Amino acid sequence: MGFKLLKVLETVKVRFYHIPTEILKLLYLRLLALICNADLPPSISNLFNLQVLIIYPYMNIKKRGVQSYMPVQIWDLEELQHIEIMGTDLPTPNTYDATLNKLITLLGVSANSCTWEVLKRTPNLKRLSIHVELKPYDDDSDETNPLSCLSYISQLQNLVNLEYSIWNPEMKYELHTIPLSMFPSHLNDLRLRGLGYPWKYMNDIGSLLPNLQHLNLKSYAFRGPMWEIKPGSFLKLTTLQIKDTDLVQWRPQHGSFPELKVLSMKHCYKLQQLDWPYDDSWIKVIELVECNPLAVACANQLKDKFSFELMARSSF
């Protein structure tokens, strides 16, 4: 490591078993990306020019009762703009005035990083990705309601892109009321995974997010046989992607999806019916991948009426 003036170090094809001390001497580094299961040392604060930090584990090993945090010294890196730390969380800073004012992107953290003490110190955050991995022994976890942390996210005035993923979902969250007011109203890109709520809540979200343009729903983000979209929902949405769900009927009503251009449905094996209530339409592409043949036949009938491209692939 004789490159004392090195600014970019990207080694995601190499597995590190510990953070090499030589890296922490590269004081001019602006981008550091590596694969390593070891914790970052406090001396990461030496890299005071760092703007992009990407740390991914090569093995996902969870220990009961143990939460992995970055060192508190991460708050000393005031030039940080992008943090991607799958499986590791931001700690609460020790000092009152610690802030990361330049941080725009924070990816891969769990709900433990979404406390007000943390988020109020990242006021310019535009993109946030939260990954919650449920374990069978989380019987007393605060994540019983997986959206409990969103009350603080709504305070991020610059946030436009939000991703919330539940991994290993148990599909029991219909017992809770989804906290609709906790979604920031200025979002334009929303990605949800594994929540397991009924589709009726998705309608409410559509009414509360007037600026939403892109919506991606994966792995039973919502569930149930029918999503009947009420009028006045998703007025600016241009792209809708649904993947892995038990949906049978997708039925938008007049006044919903007026700007929709791309509808993509993948691995919706029970899907049978696609309705489109408009005499004219802005939709340009409907993509059906590994869906029920009845859904493909329904889309072909719509294609005869509207001018759009139908992309269908199936193993049935």
C-alpha atoms as a PDB file:
ATOM      1  CA  MET A   1       0.000   0.000   0.000  1.00  0.00           C
ATOM      2  CA  GLY A   2       2.511   2.539  -1.174  1.00  0.00           C
ATOM      3  CA  PHE A   3      -0.099   4.728  -2.856  1.00  0.00           C
ATOM      4  CA  LYS A   4      -0.171   7.521  -0.310  1.00  0.00           C
ATOM      5  CA  LEU A   5      -2.286   9.805  -2.533  1.00  0.00           C
ATOM      6  CA  LEU A   6      -4.894   7.151  -3.371  1.00  0.00           C
ATOM      7  CA  LYS A   7      -8.433   8.570  -3.509  1.00  0.00           C
ATOM      8  CA  VAL A   8     -10.507   5.538  -4.582  1.00  0.00           C
ATOM      9  CA  LEU A   9     -10.143   2.001  -3.183  1.00  0.00           C
ATOM     10  CA  GLU A  10     -12.788  -0.477  -4.396  1.00  0.00           C
ATOM     11  CA  THR A  11     -12.087  -4.106  -3.437  1.00  0.00           C
ATOM     12  CA  VAL A  12     -15.511  -5.761  -3.349  1.00  0.00           C
ATOM     13  CA  LYS A  13     -14.162  -8.851  -5.157  1.00  0.00           C
ATOM     14  CA  VAL A  14     -11.746  -9.561  -2.274  1.00  0.00           C
ATOM     15  CA  ARG A  15     -12.707 -10.996   1.121  1.00  0.00           C
ATOM     16  CA  PHE A  16     -11.013  -9.335   4.063  1.00  0.00           C
ATOM     17  CA  TYR A  17     -11.021 -11.088   7.435  1.00  0.00           C
ATOM     18  CA  HIS A  18     -10.014  -7.859   9.147  1.00  0.00           C
ATOM     19  CA  ILE A  19      -9.633  -4.227   8.119  1.00  0.00           C
ATOM     20  CA  PRO A  20      -6.018  -3.813   6.989  1.00  0.00           C
ATOM     21  CA  THR A  21      -4.310  -1.093   9.010  1.00  0.00           C
ATOM     22  CA  GLU A  22      -2.631   0.118   5.818  1.00  0.00           C
ATOM     23  CA  ILE A  23      -6.008   1.272   4.487  1.00  0.00           C
ATOM     24  CA  LEU A  24      -6.525   3.472   7.510  1.00  0.00           C
ATOM     25  CA  LYS A  25      -3.357   5.380   6.628  1.00  0.00           C
ATOM     26  CA  LEU A  26      -4.634   6.483   3.216  1.00  0.00           C
ATOM     27  CA  LEU A  27      -5.600   9.949   4.363  1.00  0.00           C
ATOM     28  CA  TYR A  28      -6.672  11.147   0.903  1.00  0.00           C
ATOM     29  CA  LEU A  29      -9.238   8.387   0.380  1.00  0.00           C
ATOM     30  CA  ARG A  30     -12.611   9.656  -0.812  1.00  0.00           C
ATOM     31  CA  LEU A  31     -14.196   6.279  -1.625  1.00  0.00           C
ATOM     32  CA  LEU A  32     -13.712   3.030   0.290  1.00  0.00           C
ATOM     33  CA  ALA A  33     -15.629  -0.119  -0.694  1.00  0.00           C
ATOM     34  CA  LEU A  34     -14.770  -3.576   0.649  1.00  0.00           C
ATOM     35  CA  ILE A  35     -16.141  -6.940   1.786  1.00  0.00           C
ATOM     36  CA  CYS A  36     -15.366  -7.748   5.400  1.00  0.00           C
ATOM     37  CA  ASN A  37     -17.086  -9.333   8.408  1.00  0.00           C
ATOM     38  CA  ALA A  38     -14.889  -7.598  10.971  1.00  0.00           C
ATOM     39  CA  ASP A  39     -16.040  -4.424  12.688  1.00  0.00           C
ATOM     40  CA  LEU A  40     -14.625  -1.103  11.603  1.00  0.00           C
ATOM     41  CA  PRO A  41     -11.989   0.140  14.080  1.00  0.00           C
ATOM     42  CA  PRO A  42     -12.239   3.575  15.748  1.00  0.00           C
ATOM     43  CA  SER A  43      -9.266   4.673  13.649  1.00  0.00           C
ATOM     44  CA  ILE A  44     -11.625   4.949  10.658  1.00  0.00           C
ATOM     45  CA  SER A  45     -11.807   8.584  11.774  1.00  0.00           C
ATOM     46  CA  ASN A  46      -8.324   9.023  10.260  1.00  0.00           C
ATOM     47  CA  LEU A  47      -9.941   9.048   6.809  1.00  0.00           C
ATOM     48  CA  PHE A  48     -11.311  12.559   7.247  1.00  0.00           C
ATOM     49  CA  ASN A  49     -11.629  13.096   3.455  1.00  0.00           C
ATOM     50  CA  LEU A  50     -13.899  10.058   3.000  1.00  0.00           C
ATOM     51  CA  GLN A  51     -17.091  10.759   1.041  1.00  0.00           C
ATOM     52  CA  VAL A  52     -18.309   7.233   0.185  1.00  0.00           C
ATOM     53  CA  LEU A  53     -18.141   4.256   2.572  1.00  0.00           C
ATOM     54  CA  ILE A  54     -19.407   0.830   1.441  1.00  0.00           C
ATOM     55  CA  ILE A  55     -18.952  -2.180   3.737  1.00  0.00           C
ATOM     56  CA  TYR A  56     -20.656  -5.515   2.999  1.00  0.00           C
ATOM     57  CA  PRO A  57     -20.246  -8.803   4.900  1.00  0.00           C
ATOM     58  CA  TYR A  58     -19.310 -11.916   2.939  1.00  0.00           C
ATOM     59  CA  MET A  59     -21.194 -14.123   5.405  1.00  0.00           C
ATOM     60  CA  ASN A  60     -24.413 -13.176   7.159  1.00  0.00           C
ATOM     61  CA  ILE A  61     -23.989 -14.528  10.687  1.00  0.00           C
ATOM     62  CA  LYS A  62     -26.329 -13.312  13.418  1.00  0.00           C
ATOM     63  CA  LYS A  63     -25.696 -13.742  17.136  1.00  0.00           C
ATOM     64  CA  ARG A  64     -28.562 -13.688  19.580  1.00  0.00           C
ATOM     65  CA  GLY A  65     -28.715 -10.477  21.581  1.00  0.00           C
ATOM     66  CA  VAL A  66     -25.795  -8.905  19.703  1.00  0.00           C
ATOM     67  CA  GLN A  67     -26.251  -5.838  17.504  1.00  0.00           C
ATOM     68  CA  SER A  68     -23.474  -4.750  15.170  1.00  0.00           C
ATOM     69  CA  TYR A  69     -22.713  -1.033  15.205  1.00  0.00           C
ATOM     70  CA  MET A  70     -20.157   1.084  13.446  1.00  0.00           C
ATOM     71  CA  PRO A  71     -17.699   2.850  15.761  1.00  0.00           C
ATOM     72  CA  VAL A  72     -19.003   6.117  17.156  1.00  0.00           C
ATOM     73  CA  GLN A  73     -16.032   7.825  15.509  1.00  0.00           C
ATOM     74  CA  ILE A  74     -17.921   7.575  12.205  1.00  0.00           C
ATOM     75  CA  TRP A  75     -19.514  10.881  13.217  1.00  0.00           C
ATOM     76  CA  ASP A  76     -16.102  12.554  12.861  1.00  0.00           C
ATOM     77  CA  LEU A  77     -16.145  11.964   9.076  1.00  0.00           C
ATOM     78  CA  GLU A  78     -17.960  15.160   8.176  1.00  0.00           C
ATOM     79  CA  GLU A  79     -17.385  14.782   4.414  1.00  0.00           C
ATOM     80  CA  LEU A  80     -19.434  11.564   4.172  1.00  0.00           C
ATOM     81  CA  GLN A  81     -22.131  11.675   1.496  1.00  0.00           C
ATOM     82  CA  HIS A  82     -22.900   7.964   0.983  1.00  0.00           C
ATOM     83  CA  ILE A  83     -22.911   5.145   3.565  1.00  0.00           C
ATOM     84  CA  GLU A  84     -23.764   1.568   2.597  1.00  0.00           C
ATOM     85  CA  ILE A  85     -23.355  -0.784   5.549  1.00  0.00           C
ATOM     86  CA  MET A  86     -25.483  -3.901   5.197  1.00  0.00           C
ATOM     87  CA  GLY A  87     -26.070  -5.450   8.603  1.00  0.00           C
ATOM     88  CA  THR A  88     -24.370  -2.698  10.596  1.00  0.00           C
ATOM     89  CA  ASP A  89     -25.979   0.307  12.232  1.00  0.00           C
ATOM     90  CA  LEU A  90     -25.070   3.875  12.990  1.00  0.00           C
ATOM     91  CA  PRO A  91     -24.531   4.427  16.721  1.00  0.00           C
ATOM     92  CA  THR A  92     -25.880   7.354  18.688  1.00  0.00           C
ATOM     93  CA  PRO A  93     -23.129  10.005  18.813  1.00  0.00           C
ATOM     94  CA  ASN A  94     -21.488  10.912  22.095  1.00  0.00           C
ATOM     95  CA  THR A  95     -21.461  14.657  21.527  1.00  0.00           C
ATOM     96  CA  TYR A  96     -24.411  17.009  21.184  1.00  0.00           C
ATOM     97  CA  ASP A  97     -23.142  18.821  18.080  1.00  0.00           C
ATOM     98  CA  ALA A  98     -22.146  15.743  16.036  1.00  0.00           C
ATOM     99  CA  THR A  99     -23.777  15.884  12.581  1.00  0.00           C
ATOM    100  CA  LEU A 100     -23.287  14.489   9.083  1.00  0.00           C
ATOM    101  CA  ASN A 101     -24.723  17.420   7.158  1.00  0.00           C
ATOM    102  CA  LYS A 102     -23.408  16.207   3.799  1.00  0.00           C
ATOM    103  CA  LEU A 103     -24.832  12.682   4.113  1.00  0.00           C
ATOM    104  CA  ILE A 104     -27.342  12.106   1.298  1.00  0.00           C
ATOM    105  CA  THR A 105     -27.575   8.295   1.117  1.00  0.00           C
ATOM    106  CA  LEU A 106     -27.820   5.768   3.957  1.00  0.00           C
ATOM    107  CA  LEU A 107     -28.357   2.150   2.874  1.00  0.00           C
ATOM    108  CA  GLY A 108     -28.648  -1.192   4.630  1.00  0.00           C
ATOM    109  CA  VAL A 109     -29.300  -0.160   8.220  1.00  0.00           C
ATOM    110  CA  SER A 110     -31.963  -1.657  10.459  1.00  0.00           C
ATOM    111  CA  ALA A 111     -34.622   0.121  12.496  1.00  0.00           C
ATOM    112  CA  ASN A 112     -32.049   0.541  15.282  1.00  0.00           C
ATOM    113  CA  SER A 113     -30.482   3.352  13.262  1.00  0.00           C
ATOM    114  CA  CYS A 114     -33.771   5.201  12.877  1.00  0.00           C
ATOM    115  CA  THR A 115     -33.960   6.797  16.303  1.00  0.00           C
ATOM    116  CA  TRP A 116     -34.499  10.525  16.493  1.00  0.00           C
ATOM    117  CA  GLU A 117     -31.058  10.970  18.093  1.00  0.00           C
ATOM    118  CA  VAL A 118     -29.507   9.573  14.920  1.00  0.00           C
ATOM    119  CA  LEU A 119     -31.785  10.897  12.182  1.00  0.00           C
ATOM    120  CA  LYS A 120     -31.859  14.486  13.411  1.00  0.00           C
ATOM    121  CA  ARG A 121     -28.108  14.569  12.797  1.00  0.00           C
ATOM    122  CA  THR A 122     -28.522  13.615   9.124  1.00  0.00           C
ATOM    123  CA  PRO A 123     -30.870  16.445   8.092  1.00  0.00           C
ATOM    124  CA  ASN A 124     -30.095  16.345   4.364  1.00  0.00           C
ATOM    125  CA  LEU A 125     -30.706  12.641   3.835  1.00  0.00           C
ATOM    126  CA  LYS A 126     -32.414  11.999   0.485  1.00  0.00           C
ATOM    127  CA  ARG A 127     -32.285   8.209   0.230  1.00  0.00           C
ATOM    128  CA  LEU A 128     -32.790   5.747   3.084  1.00  0.00           C
ATOM    129  CA  SER A 129     -32.842   1.945   2.913  1.00  0.00           C
ATOM    130  CA  ILE A 130     -33.892  -0.021   6.018  1.00  0.00           C
ATOM    131  CA  HIS A 131     -33.438  -3.785   6.239  1.00  0.00           C
ATOM    132  CA  VAL A 132     -35.101  -5.664   9.095  1.00  0.00           C
ATOM    133  CA  GLU A 133     -34.158  -9.331   9.374  1.00  0.00           C
ATOM    134  CA  LEU A 134     -36.520 -11.217  11.650  1.00  0.00           C
ATOM    135  CA  LYS A 135     -35.202 -14.141  13.665  1.00  0.00           C
ATOM    136  CA  PRO A 136     -37.268 -16.851  15.364  1.00  0.00           C
ATOM    137  CA  TYR A 137     -36.105 -15.768  18.822  1.00  0.00           C
ATOM    138  CA  ASP A 138     -37.207 -12.121  18.420  1.00  0.00           C
ATOM    139  CA  ASP A 139     -40.179 -12.723  20.730  1.00  0.00           C
ATOM    140  CA  ASP A 140     -39.558  -9.553  22.760  1.00  0.00           C
ATOM    141  CA  SER A 141     -38.208  -7.320  20.019  1.00  0.00           C
ATOM    142  CA  ASP A 142     -39.357  -3.751  19.382  1.00  0.00           C
ATOM    143  CA  GLU A 143     -39.715  -4.824  15.772  1.00  0.00           C
ATOM    144  CA  THR A 144     -42.958  -6.715  16.517  1.00  0.00           C
ATOM    145  CA  ASN A 145     -44.542  -3.910  14.519  1.00  0.00           C
ATOM    146  CA  PRO A 146     -42.043  -3.561  11.657  1.00  0.00           C
ATOM    147  CA  LEU A 147     -42.968   0.040  10.854  1.00  0.00           C
ATOM    148  CA  SER A 148     -42.615   1.381  14.382  1.00  0.00           C
ATOM    149  CA  CYS A 149     -39.495   3.374  13.462  1.00  0.00           C
ATOM    150  CA  LEU A 150     -41.124   5.413  10.694  1.00  0.00           C
ATOM    151  CA  SER A 151     -42.395   8.046  13.107  1.00  0.00           C
ATOM    152  CA  TYR A 152     -38.924   9.570  13.027  1.00  0.00           C
ATOM    153  CA  ILE A 153     -38.380   9.113   9.296  1.00  0.00           C
ATOM    154  CA  SER A 154     -41.232  11.504   8.596  1.00  0.00           C
ATOM    155  CA  GLN A 155     -39.088  14.288  10.085  1.00  0.00           C
ATOM    156  CA  LEU A 156     -36.548  14.024   7.251  1.00  0.00           C
ATOM    157  CA  GLN A 157     -37.621  16.961   5.117  1.00  0.00           C
ATOM    158  CA  ASN A 158     -35.354  16.126   2.159  1.00  0.00           C
ATOM    159  CA  LEU A 159     -36.091  12.397   1.935  1.00  0.00           C
ATOM    160  CA  VAL A 160     -37.430  11.401  -1.493  1.00  0.00           C
ATOM    161  CA  ASN A 161     -36.432   7.724  -1.747  1.00  0.00           C
ATOM    162  CA  LEU A 162     -37.396   5.193   0.949  1.00  0.00           C
ATOM    163  CA  GLU A 163     -36.904   1.435   0.974  1.00  0.00           C
ATOM    164  CA  TYR A 164     -38.189  -0.739   3.813  1.00  0.00           C
ATOM    165  CA  SER A 165     -37.522  -4.487   3.642  1.00  0.00           C
ATOM    166  CA  ILE A 166     -38.581  -7.249   6.024  1.00  0.00           C
ATOM    167  CA  TRP A 167     -36.504 -10.388   5.540  1.00  0.00           C
ATOM    168  CA  ASN A 168     -37.805 -13.746   6.793  1.00  0.00           C
ATOM    169  CA  PRO A 169     -41.294 -12.283   7.343  1.00  0.00           C
ATOM    170  CA  GLU A 170     -43.822 -14.173   9.435  1.00  0.00           C
ATOM    171  CA  MET A 171     -46.884 -12.527   7.807  1.00  0.00           C
ATOM    172  CA  LYS A 172     -48.595 -11.645  11.078  1.00  0.00           C
ATOM    173  CA  TYR A 173     -48.537  -7.876  10.913  1.00  0.00           C
ATOM    174  CA  GLU A 174     -52.150  -7.465   9.873  1.00  0.00           C
ATOM    175  CA  LEU A 175     -52.796  -7.422  13.612  1.00  0.00           C
ATOM    176  CA  HIS A 176     -51.278  -3.937  13.730  1.00  0.00           C
ATOM    177  CA  THR A 177     -52.556  -0.742  12.174  1.00  0.00           C
ATOM    178  CA  ILE A 178     -50.080   0.539   9.631  1.00  0.00           C
ATOM    179  CA  PRO A 179     -48.851   4.022  10.728  1.00  0.00           C
ATOM    180  CA  LEU A 180     -49.814   5.852   7.543  1.00  0.00           C
ATOM    181  CA  SER A 181     -48.914   9.323   8.774  1.00  0.00           C
ATOM    182  CA  MET A 182     -45.320   8.212   9.195  1.00  0.00           C
ATOM    183  CA  PHE A 183     -44.589   8.070   5.468  1.00  0.00           C
ATOM    184  CA  PRO A 184     -43.064  11.417   4.397  1.00  0.00           C
ATOM    185  CA  SER A 185     -45.564  13.065   2.056  1.00  0.00           C
ATOM    186  CA  HIS A 186     -42.795  14.301  -0.281  1.00  0.00           C
ATOM    187  CA  LEU A 187     -41.562  10.812  -1.259  1.00  0.00           C
ATOM    188  CA  ASN A 188     -41.299  10.129  -4.989  1.00  0.00           C
ATOM    189  CA  ASP A 189     -39.797   6.610  -4.791  1.00  0.00           C
ATOM    190  CA  LEU A 190     -41.068   3.934  -2.372  1.00  0.00           C
ATOM    191  CA  ARG A 191     -39.896   0.310  -2.137  1.00  0.00           C
ATOM    192  CA  LEU A 192     -41.515  -2.115   0.309  1.00  0.00           C
ATOM    193  CA  ARG A 193     -40.836  -5.787   0.952  1.00  0.00           C
ATOM    194  CA  GLY A 194     -42.259  -8.478   3.236  1.00  0.00           C
ATOM    195  CA  LEU A 195     -44.689  -6.392   5.316  1.00  0.00           C
ATOM    196  CA  GLY A 196     -47.673  -8.690   4.766  1.00  0.00           C
ATOM    197  CA  TYR A 197     -50.352  -6.022   5.205  1.00  0.00           C
ATOM    198  CA  PRO A 198     -53.729  -6.172   3.406  1.00  0.00           C
ATOM    199  CA  TRP A 199     -53.980  -4.245   0.128  1.00  0.00           C
ATOM    200  CA  LYS A 200     -56.422  -1.718   1.625  1.00  0.00           C
ATOM    201  CA  TYR A 201     -53.492  -0.031   3.368  1.00  0.00           C
ATOM    202  CA  MET A 202     -51.732   0.446   0.041  1.00  0.00           C
ATOM    203  CA  ASN A 203     -54.703   2.512  -1.135  1.00  0.00           C
ATOM    204  CA  ASP A 204     -54.333   4.811   1.866  1.00  0.00           C
ATOM    205  CA  ILE A 205     -50.618   5.203   1.202  1.00  0.00           C
ATOM    206  CA  GLY A 206     -51.394   6.190  -2.388  1.00  0.00           C
ATOM    207  CA  SER A 207     -53.658   9.004  -1.204  1.00  0.00           C
ATOM    208  CA  LEU A 208     -51.087  10.283   1.297  1.00  0.00           C
ATOM    209  CA  LEU A 209     -48.140  10.405  -1.142  1.00  0.00           C
ATOM    210  CA  PRO A 210     -49.203  12.836  -3.877  1.00  0.00           C
ATOM    211  CA  ASN A 211     -45.692  13.087  -5.368  1.00  0.00           C
ATOM    212  CA  LEU A 212     -44.998   9.355  -5.643  1.00  0.00           C
ATOM    213  CA  GLN A 213     -43.654   8.417  -9.088  1.00  0.00           C
ATOM    214  CA  HIS A 214     -42.111   4.963  -8.574  1.00  0.00           C
ATOM    215  CA  LEU A 215     -43.550   2.146  -6.459  1.00  0.00           C
ATOM    216  CA  ASN A 216     -41.888  -1.249  -6.005  1.00  0.00           C
ATOM    217  CA  LEU A 217     -43.625  -3.963  -3.950  1.00  0.00           C
ATOM    218  CA  LYS A 218     -41.808  -7.271  -3.372  1.00  0.00           C
ATOM    219  CA  SER A 219     -42.177 -10.514  -1.437  1.00  0.00           C
ATOM    220  CA  TYR A 220     -45.670 -10.062  -0.031  1.00  0.00           C
ATOM    221  CA  ALA A 221     -45.202  -6.399   0.772  1.00  0.00           C
ATOM    222  CA  PHE A 222     -49.002  -6.525   0.694  1.00  0.00           C
ATOM    223  CA  ARG A 223     -51.203  -9.567   0.339  1.00  0.00           C
ATOM    224  CA  GLY A 224     -54.692 -10.728  -0.409  1.00  0.00           C
ATOM    225  CA  PRO A 225     -56.609 -11.824  -3.526  1.00  0.00           C
ATOM    226  CA  MET A 226     -57.706  -8.378  -4.751  1.00  0.00           C
ATOM    227  CA  TRP A 227     -56.270  -4.881  -4.919  1.00  0.00           C
ATOM    228  CA  GLU A 228     -59.055  -2.527  -5.926  1.00  0.00           C
ATOM    229  CA  ILE A 229     -57.428   0.870  -6.236  1.00  0.00           C
ATOM    230  CA  LYS A 230     -59.750   3.659  -5.200  1.00  0.00           C
ATOM    231  CA  PRO A 231     -60.205   6.831  -7.316  1.00  0.00           C
ATOM    232  CA  GLY A 232     -57.759   9.664  -6.741  1.00  0.00           C
ATOM    233  CA  SER A 233     -54.853   7.381  -5.806  1.00  0.00           C
ATOM    234  CA  PHE A 234     -51.335   7.510  -7.240  1.00  0.00           C
ATOM    235  CA  LEU A 235     -51.914  10.600  -9.348  1.00  0.00           C
ATOM    236  CA  LYS A 236     -48.255  11.000 -10.399  1.00  0.00           C
ATOM    237  CA  LEU A 237     -47.151   7.357 -10.419  1.00  0.00           C
ATOM    238  CA  THR A 238     -45.361   6.403 -13.645  1.00  0.00           C
ATOM    239  CA  THR A 239     -43.862   3.004 -12.693  1.00  0.00           C
ATOM    240  CA  LEU A 240     -45.483   0.198 -10.690  1.00  0.00           C
ATOM    241  CA  GLN A 241     -43.602  -3.046  -9.988  1.00  0.00           C
ATOM    242  CA  ILE A 242     -45.148  -5.967  -8.081  1.00  0.00           C
ATOM    243  CA  LYS A 243     -43.189  -9.164  -7.435  1.00  0.00           C
ATOM    244  CA  ASP A 244     -44.005 -12.345  -5.482  1.00  0.00           C
ATOM    245  CA  THR A 245     -47.544 -11.946  -4.200  1.00  0.00           C
ATOM    246  CA  ASP A 246     -50.817 -13.890  -3.954  1.00  0.00           C
ATOM    247  CA  LEU A 247     -52.740 -11.232  -5.888  1.00  0.00           C
ATOM    248  CA  VAL A 248     -55.572 -12.574  -8.065  1.00  0.00           C
ATOM    249  CA  GLN A 249     -57.255  -9.380  -9.301  1.00  0.00           C
ATOM    250  CA  TRP A 250     -55.716  -5.967  -9.959  1.00  0.00           C
ATOM    251  CA  ARG A 251     -58.530  -3.457 -10.422  1.00  0.00           C
ATOM    252  CA  PRO A 252     -57.791   0.278 -10.712  1.00  0.00           C
ATOM    253  CA  GLN A 253     -60.819   2.569 -10.599  1.00  0.00           C
ATOM    254  CA  HIS A 254     -61.468   5.703 -12.662  1.00  0.00           C
ATOM    255  CA  GLY A 255     -59.238   8.496 -11.415  1.00  0.00           C
ATOM    256  CA  SER A 256     -56.335   6.295 -10.273  1.00  0.00           C
ATOM    257  CA  PHE A 257     -52.976   5.886 -12.030  1.00  0.00           C
ATOM    258  CA  PRO A 258     -53.633   8.637 -14.624  1.00  0.00           C
ATOM    259  CA  GLU A 259     -49.888   8.896 -15.442  1.00  0.00           C
ATOM    260  CA  LEU A 260     -48.911   5.206 -15.261  1.00  0.00           C
ATOM    261  CA  LYS A 261     -46.538   4.237 -18.073  1.00  0.00           C
ATOM    262  CA  VAL A 262     -44.990   0.936 -16.906  1.00  0.00           C
ATOM    263  CA  LEU A 263     -46.743  -1.927 -15.091  1.00  0.00           C
ATOM    264  CA  SER A 264     -44.470  -4.863 -14.195  1.00  0.00           C
ATOM    265  CA  MET A 265     -45.698  -8.001 -12.411  1.00  0.00           C
ATOM    266  CA  LYS A 266     -43.340 -10.892 -11.712  1.00  0.00           C
ATOM    267  CA  HIS A 267     -43.900 -14.259 -10.027  1.00  0.00           C
ATOM    268  CA  CYS A 268     -47.589 -13.532  -9.398  1.00  0.00           C
ATOM    269  CA  TYR A 269     -48.699 -17.108  -9.969  1.00  0.00           C
ATOM    270  CA  LYS A 270     -52.323 -16.568  -8.897  1.00  0.00           C
ATOM    271  CA  LEU A 271     -52.908 -13.426 -10.942  1.00  0.00           C
ATOM    272  CA  GLN A 272     -55.877 -13.814 -13.283  1.00  0.00           C
ATOM    273  CA  GLN A 273     -57.426 -10.430 -13.948  1.00  0.00           C
ATOM    274  CA  LEU A 274     -56.052  -7.049 -15.023  1.00  0.00           C
ATOM    275  CA  ASP A 275     -58.617  -4.305 -15.448  1.00  0.00           C
ATOM    276  CA  TRP A 276     -58.118  -0.928 -17.080  1.00  0.00           C
ATOM    277  CA  PRO A 277     -61.096   1.438 -16.815  1.00  0.00           C
ATOM    278  CA  TYR A 278     -59.934   4.176 -19.187  1.00  0.00           C
ATOM    279  CA  ASP A 279     -60.958   4.763 -22.794  1.00  0.00           C
ATOM    280  CA  ASP A 280     -57.537   6.247 -23.409  1.00  0.00           C
ATOM    281  CA  SER A 281     -54.339   5.507 -21.531  1.00  0.00           C
ATOM    282  CA  TRP A 282     -50.775   6.702 -21.074  1.00  0.00           C
ATOM    283  CA  ILE A 283     -49.522   3.202 -20.322  1.00  0.00           C
ATOM    284  CA  LYS A 284     -46.678   2.146 -22.623  1.00  0.00           C
ATOM    285  CA  VAL A 285     -45.456  -1.202 -21.247  1.00  0.00           C
ATOM    286  CA  ILE A 286     -47.061  -4.104 -19.378  1.00  0.00           C
ATOM    287  CA  GLU A 287     -44.577  -6.767 -18.281  1.00  0.00           C
ATOM    288  CA  LEU A 288     -45.749 -10.153 -17.002  1.00  0.00           C
ATOM    289  CA  VAL A 289     -43.040 -12.599 -15.913  1.00  0.00           C
ATOM    290  CA  GLU A 290     -43.943 -16.024 -14.484  1.00  0.00           C
ATOM    291  CA  CYS A 291     -47.596 -15.077 -14.025  1.00  0.00           C
ATOM    292  CA  ASN A 292     -50.767 -17.088 -14.492  1.00  0.00           C
ATOM    293  CA  PRO A 293     -51.680 -17.642 -18.202  1.00  0.00           C
ATOM    294  CA  LEU A 294     -55.099 -16.120 -17.471  1.00  0.00           C
ATOM    295  CA  ALA A 295     -53.363 -12.838 -16.650  1.00  0.00           C
ATOM    296  CA  VAL A 296     -51.476 -12.960 -19.961  1.00  0.00           C
ATOM    297  CA  ALA A 297     -54.716 -13.602 -21.828  1.00  0.00           C
ATOM    298  CA  CYS A 298     -56.340 -10.667 -20.027  1.00  0.00           C
ATOM    299  CA  ALA A 299     -53.407  -8.409 -20.951  1.00  0.00           C
ATOM    300  CA  ASN A 300     -53.703  -9.473 -24.590  1.00  0.00           C
ATOM    301  CA  GLN A 301     -57.333  -8.371 -24.585  1.00  0.00           C
ATOM    302  CA  LEU A 302     -56.322  -4.985 -23.204  1.00  0.00           C
ATOM    303  CA  LYS A 303     -53.616  -4.733 -25.847  1.00  0.00           C
ATOM    304  CA  ASP A 304     -56.266  -4.975 -28.563  1.00  0.00           C
ATOM    305  CA  LYS A 305     -57.912  -1.872 -27.101  1.00  0.00           C
ATOM    306  CA  PHE A 306     -54.902   0.186 -26.019  1.00  0.00           C
ATOM    307  CA  SER A 307     -51.599   0.762 -27.756  1.00  0.00           C
ATOM    308  CA  PHE A 308     -48.913  -0.585 -25.424  1.00  0.00           C
ATOM    309  CA  GLU A 309     -46.071  -3.105 -25.535  1.00  0.00           C
ATOM    310  CA  LEU A 310     -46.797  -6.431 -23.843  1.00  0.00           C
ATOM    311  CA  MET A 311     -43.784  -8.357 -22.539  1.00  0.00           C
ATOM    312  CA  ALA A 312     -44.766 -11.792 -21.248  1.00  0.00           C
ATOM    313  CA  ARG A 313     -42.561 -14.686 -20.161  1.00  0.00           C
ATOM    314  CA  SER A 314     -43.888 -17.800 -18.500  1.00  0.00           C
ATOM    315  CA  SER A 315     -42.859 -21.378 -17.603  1.00  0.00           C
ATOM    316  CA  PHE A 316     -46.461 -22.664 -17.372  1.00  0.00           C
END
